[in-house]
Amino acid sequence: MGLAQGSTKFLIGAAVGAAGGFALGAFVATPTARSAGESALDGVGISARFLARTAVRTIHGLGWAIESGYTRVRGREAYLEHEIEELREQITRLEQRMD
């Protein structure tokens, strides 16, 4: 058995032991301890919801920033295309004057 296999077996054993201990503790716990456990789980749920909302807001803000940057770049492109067209017209007028 290699080091990796031993580590994997240890981690699996630790996870099973922790889960079993948690289940046994929940079974024999006093009502006060169960209430505290429920409060802790409620706290975890609240934290998870907060993190999810924060992630959604962050993603939304990132999307807005990307869209804003794209709009700015596209606006500059349109401006430059307009300027190029005006310069072409000036060149055409100057060529006509020379003829």
Protein backbone atom coordinates (compact mmCIF):
# COMPACT_ATOMS: atom_id res chain seq x y z
CA MET A 1 0.00 0.00 0.00
CA GLY A 2 1.42 3.34 -1.07
CA LEU A 3 1.33 6.64 0.74
CA ALA A 4 -1.54 7.93 -1.43
CA GLN A 5 -3.70 4.87 -0.70
CA GLY A 6 -3.00 5.16 3.03
CA SER A 7 -3.91 8.83 3.02
CA THR A 8 -7.11 8.15 1.10
CA LYS A 9 -8.13 5.38 3.52
CA PHE A 10 -7.35 7.63 6.48
CA LEU A 11 -9.46 10.47 5.08
CA ILE A 12 -12.38 8.14 4.31
CA GLY A 13 -12.12 6.65 7.81
CA ALA A 14 -12.03 10.09 9.38
CA ALA A 15 -15.08 11.23 7.39
CA VAL A 16 -17.06 8.09 8.30
CA GLY A 17 -16.02 8.42 11.95
CA ALA A 18 -17.01 12.08 12.06
CA ALA A 19 -20.37 11.42 10.41
CA GLY A 20 -21.05 8.48 12.73
CA GLY A 21 -20.05 10.50 15.77
CA PHE A 22 -22.25 13.37 14.70
CA ALA A 23 -25.23 11.05 14.18
CA LEU A 24 -24.68 9.35 17.54
CA GLY A 25 -24.26 12.70 19.28
CA ALA A 26 -27.48 14.00 17.74
CA PHE A 27 -29.31 10.85 18.88
CA VAL A 28 -28.26 11.01 22.53
CA ALA A 29 -28.07 14.78 22.92
CA THR A 30 -30.20 16.64 25.41
CA PRO A 31 -32.99 18.88 24.12
CA THR A 32 -30.86 21.94 24.92
CA ALA A 33 -27.96 20.55 22.91
CA ARG A 34 -30.29 19.68 20.03
CA SER A 35 -31.66 23.23 20.13
CA ALA A 36 -28.12 24.59 20.01
CA GLY A 37 -27.36 22.26 17.09
CA GLU A 38 -30.46 23.46 15.26
CA SER A 39 -29.44 27.06 15.90
CA ALA A 40 -26.00 26.30 14.50
CA LEU A 41 -27.55 24.71 11.41
CA ASP A 42 -29.87 27.70 11.01
CA GLY A 43 -26.81 29.94 11.20
CA VAL A 44 -25.11 27.89 8.50
CA GLY A 45 -28.23 28.21 6.32
CA ILE A 46 -28.34 31.97 6.81
CA SER A 47 -24.63 32.25 5.98
CA ALA A 48 -25.10 30.13 2.85
CA ARG A 49 -27.97 32.34 1.68
CA PHE A 50 -25.90 35.48 2.35
CA LEU A 51 -22.97 34.07 0.39
CA ALA A 52 -25.25 33.09 -2.48
CA ARG A 53 -26.78 36.59 -2.64
CA THR A 54 -23.33 38.15 -2.49
CA ALA A 55 -22.12 35.90 -5.32
CA VAL A 56 -25.15 36.79 -7.46
CA ARG A 57 -24.57 40.52 -6.86
CA THR A 58 -20.88 40.15 -7.70
CA ILE A 59 -21.66 38.30 -10.93
CA HIS A 60 -24.30 40.88 -11.84
CA GLY A 61 -21.84 43.72 -11.18
CA LEU A 62 -19.18 41.99 -13.25
CA GLY A 63 -21.64 41.55 -16.12
CA TRP A 64 -22.56 45.23 -15.93
CA ALA A 65 -18.89 46.24 -16.01
CA ILE A 66 -18.21 44.05 -19.05
CA GLU A 67 -21.28 45.39 -20.86
CA SER A 68 -20.34 48.96 -20.02
CA GLY A 69 -16.81 48.44 -21.31
CA TYR A 70 -18.12 46.85 -24.51
CA THR A 71 -20.52 49.76 -25.05
CA ARG A 72 -17.69 52.24 -24.54
CA VAL A 73 -15.44 50.41 -27.00
CA ARG A 74 -18.26 50.09 -29.54
CA GLY A 75 -19.03 53.80 -29.15
CA ARG A 76 -15.41 54.68 -29.87
CA GLU A 77 -15.42 52.44 -32.93
CA ALA A 78 -18.55 54.15 -34.25
CA TYR A 79 -16.97 57.57 -33.64
CA LEU A 80 -13.77 56.58 -35.46
CA GLU A 81 -15.74 55.10 -38.37
CA HIS A 82 -17.60 58.43 -38.66
CA GLU A 83 -14.33 60.39 -38.57
CA ILE A 84 -12.80 58.14 -41.25
CA GLU A 85 -15.84 58.66 -43.47
CA GLU A 86 -15.54 62.45 -43.09
CA LEU A 87 -11.83 62.31 -43.99
CA ARG A 88 -12.63 60.26 -47.10
CA GLU A 89 -15.15 62.89 -48.15
CA GLN A 90 -12.57 65.65 -47.64
CA ILE A 91 -10.04 63.71 -49.74
CA THR A 92 -12.61 63.29 -52.49
CA ARG A 93 -13.39 67.06 -52.45
CA LEU A 94 -9.69 67.94 -52.56
CA GLU A 95 -9.09 65.56 -55.47
CA GLN A 96 -12.01 67.14 -57.34
CA ARG A 97 -10.54 70.62 -56.78
CA MET A 98 -7.20 69.50 -58.19
CA ASP A 99 -8.78 68.24 -61.40
